[in-house]
N, C-alpha and C. Protein backbone atom coordinates (compact mmCIF):
# COMPACT_ATOMS: atom_id res chain seq x y z
N UNK A 1 -1.40 7.53 3.92
CA UNK A 1 -0.86 7.30 2.59
C UNK A 1 -0.23 5.91 2.53
N UNK A 2 -0.54 5.18 1.50
CA UNK A 2 -0.03 3.82 1.32
C UNK A 2 1.26 3.89 0.53
N UNK A 3 2.29 3.25 1.06
CA UNK A 3 3.57 3.20 0.35
C UNK A 3 3.55 2.02 -0.61
N UNK A 4 3.98 2.28 -1.83
CA UNK A 4 4.05 1.20 -2.81
C UNK A 4 5.08 0.17 -2.36
N UNK A 5 4.76 -1.08 -2.55
CA UNK A 5 5.67 -2.16 -2.18
C UNK A 5 6.90 -2.16 -3.07
N UNK A 6 8.05 -2.50 -2.49
CA UNK A 6 9.27 -2.68 -3.28
C UNK A 6 9.16 -3.94 -4.12
N UNK A 7 10.14 -4.17 -4.98
CA UNK A 7 10.09 -5.31 -5.91
C UNK A 7 10.00 -6.65 -5.18
N UNK A 8 10.88 -6.89 -4.21
CA UNK A 8 10.86 -8.16 -3.49
C UNK A 8 9.63 -8.25 -2.60
N UNK A 9 9.24 -7.14 -1.96
CA UNK A 9 8.02 -7.14 -1.15
C UNK A 9 6.82 -7.52 -2.01
N UNK A 10 6.75 -6.94 -3.21
CA UNK A 10 5.64 -7.23 -4.11
C UNK A 10 5.66 -8.70 -4.55
N UNK A 11 6.83 -9.22 -4.87
CA UNK A 11 6.93 -10.63 -5.27
C UNK A 11 6.44 -11.55 -4.15
N UNK A 12 6.80 -11.22 -2.92
CA UNK A 12 6.39 -12.04 -1.78
C UNK A 12 4.89 -11.87 -1.53
N UNK A 13 4.40 -10.64 -1.50
CA UNK A 13 2.97 -10.41 -1.26
C UNK A 13 2.12 -11.04 -2.36
N UNK A 14 2.60 -11.02 -3.59
CA UNK A 14 1.85 -11.65 -4.69
C UNK A 14 1.63 -13.12 -4.39
N UNK A 15 2.64 -13.80 -3.93
CA UNK A 15 2.50 -15.22 -3.58
C UNK A 15 1.52 -15.41 -2.42
N UNK A 16 1.68 -14.59 -1.40
CA UNK A 16 0.81 -14.72 -0.23
C UNK A 16 -0.65 -14.47 -0.63
N UNK A 17 -0.89 -13.46 -1.45
CA UNK A 17 -2.25 -13.18 -1.91
C UNK A 17 -2.78 -14.32 -2.78
N UNK A 18 -1.97 -14.81 -3.69
CA UNK A 18 -2.42 -15.88 -4.59
C UNK A 18 -2.70 -17.17 -3.85
N UNK A 19 -1.85 -17.53 -2.92
CA UNK A 19 -2.03 -18.79 -2.19
C UNK A 19 -3.22 -18.72 -1.25
N UNK A 20 -3.51 -17.54 -0.75
CA UNK A 20 -4.72 -17.32 0.07
C UNK A 20 -4.82 -18.29 1.25
N UNK A 21 -3.70 -18.48 1.93
CA UNK A 21 -3.63 -19.33 3.11
C UNK A 21 -2.37 -18.92 3.88
N UNK A 22 -2.28 -19.29 5.14
CA UNK A 22 -1.05 -18.99 5.88
C UNK A 22 0.15 -19.69 5.24
N UNK A 23 1.28 -18.98 5.16
CA UNK A 23 2.48 -19.52 4.52
C UNK A 23 3.68 -19.38 5.45
N UNK A 24 4.66 -20.23 5.24
CA UNK A 24 5.91 -20.17 6.00
C UNK A 24 7.00 -19.52 5.16
N UNK A 25 8.06 -19.11 5.84
CA UNK A 25 9.22 -18.55 5.14
C UNK A 25 9.74 -19.58 4.13
N UNK A 26 9.83 -20.84 4.54
CA UNK A 26 10.37 -21.89 3.67
C UNK A 26 9.54 -22.04 2.39
N UNK A 27 8.22 -21.98 2.49
CA UNK A 27 7.38 -22.11 1.29
C UNK A 27 7.63 -20.96 0.32
N UNK A 28 7.69 -19.76 0.86
CA UNK A 28 7.94 -18.59 0.01
C UNK A 28 9.33 -18.69 -0.61
N UNK A 29 10.30 -19.06 0.20
CA UNK A 29 11.68 -19.21 -0.28
C UNK A 29 11.75 -20.20 -1.44
N UNK A 30 11.17 -21.37 -1.27
CA UNK A 30 11.24 -22.40 -2.31
C UNK A 30 10.62 -21.92 -3.61
N UNK A 31 9.51 -21.18 -3.51
CA UNK A 31 8.88 -20.68 -4.73
C UNK A 31 9.72 -19.58 -5.37
N UNK A 32 10.27 -18.69 -4.57
CA UNK A 32 11.11 -17.61 -5.10
C UNK A 32 12.39 -18.14 -5.75
N UNK A 33 12.92 -19.24 -5.20
CA UNK A 33 14.17 -19.79 -5.73
C UNK A 33 14.02 -20.33 -7.15
N UNK A 34 12.79 -20.53 -7.61
CA UNK A 34 12.60 -20.94 -9.00
C UNK A 34 12.87 -19.77 -9.96
N UNK A 35 12.89 -18.55 -9.42
CA UNK A 35 13.11 -17.36 -10.25
C UNK A 35 14.44 -16.66 -9.98
N UNK A 36 14.98 -16.82 -8.77
CA UNK A 36 16.18 -16.06 -8.41
C UNK A 36 16.95 -16.78 -7.31
N UNK A 37 18.19 -16.38 -7.16
CA UNK A 37 19.02 -16.89 -6.08
C UNK A 37 18.75 -16.00 -4.87
N UNK A 38 18.20 -16.57 -3.82
CA UNK A 38 17.80 -15.78 -2.66
C UNK A 38 17.99 -16.60 -1.39
N UNK A 39 18.38 -15.93 -0.32
CA UNK A 39 18.66 -16.61 0.95
C UNK A 39 17.42 -16.68 1.84
N UNK A 40 17.38 -17.70 2.65
CA UNK A 40 16.30 -17.87 3.63
C UNK A 40 16.18 -16.62 4.50
N UNK A 41 17.32 -16.11 4.98
CA UNK A 41 17.28 -14.96 5.89
C UNK A 41 16.72 -13.70 5.20
N UNK A 42 16.93 -13.58 3.90
CA UNK A 42 16.37 -12.44 3.16
C UNK A 42 14.85 -12.52 3.15
N UNK A 43 14.32 -13.69 2.83
CA UNK A 43 12.86 -13.87 2.79
C UNK A 43 12.28 -13.66 4.19
N UNK A 44 12.96 -14.22 5.20
CA UNK A 44 12.50 -14.07 6.58
C UNK A 44 12.46 -12.59 6.97
N UNK A 45 13.48 -11.84 6.60
CA UNK A 45 13.55 -10.41 6.93
C UNK A 45 12.43 -9.64 6.25
N UNK A 46 12.20 -9.93 4.99
CA UNK A 46 11.15 -9.20 4.25
C UNK A 46 9.76 -9.54 4.82
N UNK A 47 9.51 -10.80 5.11
CA UNK A 47 8.23 -11.18 5.72
C UNK A 47 8.05 -10.47 7.07
N UNK A 48 9.11 -10.41 7.86
CA UNK A 48 9.05 -9.71 9.15
C UNK A 48 8.76 -8.22 8.95
N UNK A 49 9.40 -7.61 7.97
CA UNK A 49 9.16 -6.19 7.69
C UNK A 49 7.72 -5.96 7.24
N UNK A 50 7.21 -6.86 6.39
CA UNK A 50 5.82 -6.74 5.94
C UNK A 50 4.86 -6.89 7.12
N UNK A 51 5.20 -7.75 8.06
CA UNK A 51 4.41 -7.91 9.28
C UNK A 51 4.44 -6.61 10.09
N UNK A 52 5.63 -6.05 10.29
CA UNK A 52 5.77 -4.82 11.09
C UNK A 52 5.11 -3.62 10.43
N UNK A 53 5.03 -3.63 9.11
CA UNK A 53 4.37 -2.55 8.38
C UNK A 53 2.85 -2.71 8.35
N UNK A 54 2.36 -3.86 8.82
CA UNK A 54 0.92 -4.08 8.87
C UNK A 54 0.32 -4.78 7.66
N UNK A 55 1.15 -5.27 6.76
CA UNK A 55 0.64 -5.96 5.57
C UNK A 55 0.28 -7.41 5.87
N UNK A 56 0.98 -8.00 6.85
CA UNK A 56 0.77 -9.40 7.18
C UNK A 56 0.46 -9.54 8.66
N UNK A 57 -0.25 -10.60 9.00
CA UNK A 57 -0.38 -11.03 10.39
C UNK A 57 0.37 -12.35 10.47
N UNK A 58 0.76 -12.73 11.68
CA UNK A 58 1.49 -13.99 11.79
C UNK A 58 1.10 -14.72 13.06
N UNK A 59 1.29 -16.03 13.00
CA UNK A 59 1.00 -16.89 14.14
C UNK A 59 2.18 -17.86 14.26
N UNK A 60 2.67 -18.00 15.47
CA UNK A 60 3.78 -18.93 15.67
C UNK A 60 3.25 -20.35 15.77
N UNK A 61 3.87 -21.23 14.98
CA UNK A 61 3.55 -22.65 14.98
C UNK A 61 4.88 -23.37 15.18
N UNK A 62 5.08 -23.89 16.39
CA UNK A 62 6.38 -24.48 16.71
C UNK A 62 7.41 -23.37 16.75
N UNK A 63 8.50 -23.56 16.01
CA UNK A 63 9.55 -22.54 15.97
C UNK A 63 9.38 -21.57 14.81
N UNK A 64 8.45 -21.85 13.92
CA UNK A 64 8.27 -21.02 12.73
C UNK A 64 7.01 -20.16 12.84
N UNK A 65 6.95 -19.15 11.99
CA UNK A 65 5.75 -18.32 11.88
C UNK A 65 5.01 -18.69 10.60
N UNK A 66 3.70 -18.58 10.66
CA UNK A 66 2.87 -18.67 9.46
C UNK A 66 2.31 -17.28 9.24
N UNK A 67 2.48 -16.78 8.02
CA UNK A 67 2.06 -15.42 7.66
C UNK A 67 0.84 -15.47 6.75
N UNK A 68 -0.05 -14.49 6.93
CA UNK A 68 -1.19 -14.35 6.01
C UNK A 68 -1.49 -12.86 5.84
N UNK A 69 -2.08 -12.50 4.71
CA UNK A 69 -2.31 -11.08 4.44
C UNK A 69 -3.39 -10.49 5.36
N UNK A 70 -3.22 -9.21 5.66
CA UNK A 70 -4.21 -8.49 6.46
C UNK A 70 -5.37 -8.05 5.56
N UNK A 71 -5.06 -7.72 4.31
CA UNK A 71 -6.10 -7.33 3.36
C UNK A 71 -5.77 -7.90 1.98
N UNK A 72 -6.67 -7.70 1.05
CA UNK A 72 -6.52 -8.27 -0.29
C UNK A 72 -5.64 -7.40 -1.19
N UNK A 73 -5.19 -8.00 -2.28
CA UNK A 73 -4.44 -7.25 -3.28
C UNK A 73 -5.32 -6.14 -3.87
N UNK A 74 -6.61 -6.44 -4.01
CA UNK A 74 -7.53 -5.43 -4.56
C UNK A 74 -7.62 -4.22 -3.63
N UNK A 75 -7.64 -4.45 -2.32
CA UNK A 75 -7.68 -3.33 -1.37
C UNK A 75 -6.40 -2.52 -1.45
N UNK A 76 -5.27 -3.19 -1.59
CA UNK A 76 -3.98 -2.51 -1.75
C UNK A 76 -3.98 -1.66 -3.02
N UNK A 77 -4.43 -2.24 -4.12
CA UNK A 77 -4.47 -1.52 -5.39
C UNK A 77 -5.39 -0.31 -5.29
N UNK A 78 -6.54 -0.48 -4.67
CA UNK A 78 -7.48 0.63 -4.51
C UNK A 78 -6.86 1.75 -3.68
N UNK A 79 -6.13 1.40 -2.63
CA UNK A 79 -5.49 2.41 -1.79
C UNK A 79 -4.42 3.17 -2.58
N UNK A 80 -3.66 2.47 -3.41
CA UNK A 80 -2.66 3.14 -4.25
C UNK A 80 -3.33 4.09 -5.23
N UNK A 81 -4.43 3.63 -5.85
CA UNK A 81 -5.14 4.47 -6.81
C UNK A 81 -5.70 5.71 -6.11
N UNK A 82 -6.25 5.53 -4.92
CA UNK A 82 -6.82 6.64 -4.18
C UNK A 82 -5.73 7.66 -3.81
N UNK A 83 -4.58 7.16 -3.37
CA UNK A 83 -3.47 8.06 -3.03
C UNK A 83 -2.99 8.84 -4.26
N UNK A 84 -2.87 8.14 -5.38
CA UNK A 84 -2.43 8.80 -6.61
C UNK A 84 -3.43 9.87 -7.03
N UNK A 85 -4.70 9.55 -6.94
CA UNK A 85 -5.75 10.50 -7.33
C UNK A 85 -5.75 11.71 -6.40
N UNK A 86 -5.50 11.49 -5.13
CA UNK A 86 -5.52 12.57 -4.14
C UNK A 86 -4.39 13.57 -4.35
N UNK A 87 -3.35 13.20 -5.07
CA UNK A 87 -2.24 14.12 -5.29
C UNK A 87 -2.54 15.14 -6.38
N UNK A 88 -3.60 14.96 -7.13
CA UNK A 88 -3.93 15.85 -8.24
C UNK A 88 -4.58 17.14 -7.76
N UNK A 89 -4.22 18.22 -8.42
CA UNK A 89 -4.88 19.50 -8.15
C UNK A 89 -6.26 19.54 -8.81
N UNK A 90 -6.45 18.69 -9.81
CA UNK A 90 -7.72 18.63 -10.53
C UNK A 90 -8.12 17.16 -10.67
N UNK A 91 -8.74 16.59 -9.62
CA UNK A 91 -9.08 15.17 -9.65
C UNK A 91 -9.95 14.76 -10.83
N UNK A 92 -10.88 15.61 -11.23
CA UNK A 92 -11.75 15.26 -12.37
C UNK A 92 -10.92 15.11 -13.64
N UNK A 93 -10.00 16.01 -13.88
CA UNK A 93 -9.15 15.92 -15.07
C UNK A 93 -8.25 14.68 -14.98
N UNK A 94 -7.76 14.38 -13.79
CA UNK A 94 -6.93 13.18 -13.63
C UNK A 94 -7.72 11.93 -13.99
N UNK A 95 -8.99 11.88 -13.56
CA UNK A 95 -9.83 10.73 -13.91
C UNK A 95 -10.05 10.64 -15.41
N UNK A 96 -10.28 11.76 -16.06
CA UNK A 96 -10.49 11.77 -17.51
C UNK A 96 -9.25 11.19 -18.20
N UNK A 97 -8.06 11.62 -17.77
CA UNK A 97 -6.83 11.09 -18.36
C UNK A 97 -6.66 9.60 -18.05
N UNK A 98 -6.99 9.21 -16.83
CA UNK A 98 -6.89 7.81 -16.44
C UNK A 98 -7.82 6.96 -17.30
N UNK A 99 -9.06 7.40 -17.49
CA UNK A 99 -10.00 6.65 -18.32
C UNK A 99 -9.48 6.53 -19.75
N UNK A 100 -8.81 7.59 -20.22
CA UNK A 100 -8.25 7.56 -21.57
C UNK A 100 -7.14 6.53 -21.72
N UNK A 101 -6.49 6.18 -20.64
CA UNK A 101 -5.42 5.19 -20.67
C UNK A 101 -5.94 3.75 -20.58
N UNK A 102 -7.21 3.60 -20.23
CA UNK A 102 -7.78 2.27 -19.99
C UNK A 102 -8.08 1.55 -21.30
N UNK A 103 -7.90 0.24 -21.27
CA UNK A 103 -8.28 -0.61 -22.39
C UNK A 103 -9.81 -0.76 -22.38
N UNK A 104 -10.39 -1.23 -23.47
CA UNK A 104 -11.84 -1.48 -23.47
C UNK A 104 -12.25 -2.46 -22.37
N UNK A 105 -11.42 -3.46 -22.10
CA UNK A 105 -11.73 -4.42 -21.04
C UNK A 105 -11.73 -3.75 -19.67
N UNK A 106 -10.77 -2.85 -19.45
CA UNK A 106 -10.71 -2.13 -18.18
C UNK A 106 -11.91 -1.20 -18.01
N UNK A 107 -12.32 -0.55 -19.10
CA UNK A 107 -13.50 0.33 -19.02
C UNK A 107 -14.75 -0.48 -18.70
N UNK A 108 -14.86 -1.67 -19.29
CA UNK A 108 -16.01 -2.54 -18.99
C UNK A 108 -15.97 -2.98 -17.53
N UNK A 109 -14.78 -3.31 -17.03
CA UNK A 109 -14.65 -3.67 -15.62
C UNK A 109 -15.04 -2.50 -14.72
N UNK A 110 -14.69 -1.29 -15.12
CA UNK A 110 -15.08 -0.09 -14.36
C UNK A 110 -16.60 0.07 -14.36
N UNK A 111 -17.24 -0.12 -15.52
CA UNK A 111 -18.70 -0.04 -15.57
C UNK A 111 -19.34 -1.06 -14.64
N UNK A 112 -18.81 -2.29 -14.67
CA UNK A 112 -19.33 -3.34 -13.79
C UNK A 112 -19.15 -2.96 -12.32
N UNK A 113 -17.98 -2.44 -12.00
CA UNK A 113 -17.70 -2.07 -10.61
C UNK A 113 -18.62 -0.95 -10.14
N UNK A 114 -18.88 0.02 -11.00
CA UNK A 114 -19.78 1.11 -10.62
C UNK A 114 -21.20 0.61 -10.40
N UNK A 115 -21.63 -0.36 -11.20
CA UNK A 115 -22.96 -0.95 -10.99
C UNK A 115 -23.00 -1.72 -9.66
N UNK A 116 -21.99 -2.51 -9.39
CA UNK A 116 -21.94 -3.30 -8.16
C UNK A 116 -21.89 -2.38 -6.94
N UNK A 117 -21.08 -1.34 -7.01
CA UNK A 117 -20.92 -0.44 -5.87
C UNK A 117 -22.10 0.52 -5.74
N UNK A 118 -23.00 0.52 -6.72
CA UNK A 118 -24.15 1.43 -6.72
C UNK A 118 -23.71 2.86 -6.46
N UNK A 119 -22.67 3.26 -7.18
CA UNK A 119 -22.14 4.62 -7.03
C UNK A 119 -23.15 5.65 -7.50
N UNK A 120 -23.95 5.28 -8.46
CA UNK A 120 -24.95 6.19 -8.98
C UNK A 120 -26.34 5.67 -8.64
N UNK A 121 -26.76 5.77 -7.37
CA UNK A 121 -28.08 5.28 -6.99
C UNK A 121 -29.18 6.13 -7.62
N UNK A 122 -30.38 5.61 -7.59
CA UNK A 122 -31.55 6.33 -8.10
C UNK A 122 -31.63 7.67 -7.37
N UNK A 123 -31.63 8.81 -8.10
CA UNK A 123 -31.67 10.11 -7.43
C UNK A 123 -32.98 10.34 -6.67
N UNK A 124 -34.04 9.60 -7.01
CA UNK A 124 -35.32 9.73 -6.32
C UNK A 124 -35.73 8.34 -5.80
N UNK A 125 -35.09 7.85 -4.72
CA UNK A 125 -35.33 6.48 -4.27
C UNK A 125 -36.76 6.23 -3.81
N UNK A 126 -37.50 7.27 -3.36
CA UNK A 126 -38.87 7.06 -2.90
C UNK A 126 -39.87 7.04 -4.04
N UNK A 127 -39.44 7.43 -5.22
CA UNK A 127 -40.34 7.50 -6.36
C UNK A 127 -40.49 6.11 -6.97
N UNK A 128 -41.72 5.67 -7.12
CA UNK A 128 -41.99 4.38 -7.76
C UNK A 128 -41.96 4.56 -9.27
N UNK A 129 -41.55 3.53 -9.99
CA UNK A 129 -41.57 3.64 -11.45
C UNK A 129 -43.01 3.78 -11.94
N UNK A 130 -43.17 4.46 -13.05
CA UNK A 130 -44.48 4.67 -13.64
C UNK A 130 -44.98 3.36 -14.23
N UNK A 131 -46.03 2.75 -13.65
CA UNK A 131 -46.49 1.45 -14.14
C UNK A 131 -47.27 1.55 -15.44
N UNK A 132 -47.77 2.73 -15.75
CA UNK A 132 -48.57 2.91 -16.97
C UNK A 132 -47.95 4.02 -17.80
N UNK A 133 -46.85 3.75 -18.50
CA UNK A 133 -46.20 4.82 -19.25
C UNK A 133 -47.09 5.40 -20.35
N UNK A 134 -48.03 4.62 -20.88
CA UNK A 134 -48.88 5.12 -21.96
C UNK A 134 -49.90 6.14 -21.45
N UNK A 135 -50.45 5.89 -20.24
CA UNK A 135 -51.51 6.76 -19.73
C UNK A 135 -50.98 7.84 -18.79
N UNK A 136 -49.79 7.62 -18.25
CA UNK A 136 -49.26 8.59 -17.31
C UNK A 136 -49.85 8.47 -15.92
N UNK A 137 -50.73 7.46 -15.72
CA UNK A 137 -51.34 7.29 -14.40
C UNK A 137 -50.30 6.77 -13.41
N UNK A 138 -50.39 7.22 -12.19
CA UNK A 138 -49.50 6.74 -11.14
C UNK A 138 -50.29 5.89 -10.18
N UNK A 139 -49.64 4.98 -9.51
CA UNK A 139 -50.38 4.12 -8.59
C UNK A 139 -50.91 4.90 -7.41
N UNK A 140 -52.01 4.41 -6.86
CA UNK A 140 -52.62 5.05 -5.68
C UNK A 140 -51.87 4.64 -4.43
N UNK A 141 -52.36 5.10 -3.27
CA UNK A 141 -51.66 4.83 -2.00
C UNK A 141 -51.55 3.33 -1.69
N UNK A 142 -52.48 2.51 -2.16
CA UNK A 142 -52.40 1.08 -1.87
C UNK A 142 -51.25 0.40 -2.57
N UNK A 143 -50.71 1.00 -3.61
CA UNK A 143 -49.61 0.40 -4.36
C UNK A 143 -48.28 0.58 -3.64
N UNK A 144 -48.22 1.47 -2.68
CA UNK A 144 -46.95 1.71 -1.98
C UNK A 144 -46.75 0.76 -0.91
């Protein structure tokens, strides 16, 4: 089960995901300070906790660490959605309600994702399409 990130954890992970490169405590601190009053040691502690929880990997460079995400924000979001769905006694009904909450743009993104993931593959993958729909003729063995 994936635990949802706390507010500060999420703010820090959002930066790490967006920057998409190894980051230092100082870089995260400087960016966070544009929004709030926060101490270096607080950022360092949260980054260390995220590392210990498996969200980040780190490499020591000199006396400092450089942190980078273990997985993407999309993978985190998918894990949260999967956990939420798994708590339902009626997953199909939960999905129906979830779809009802989606905007038209979100529904279109879902359609695109289902096509990309090939969730609904051809139920008869060995069957060739009918090349002559008017005559109903099917190709002979040489066409396979």
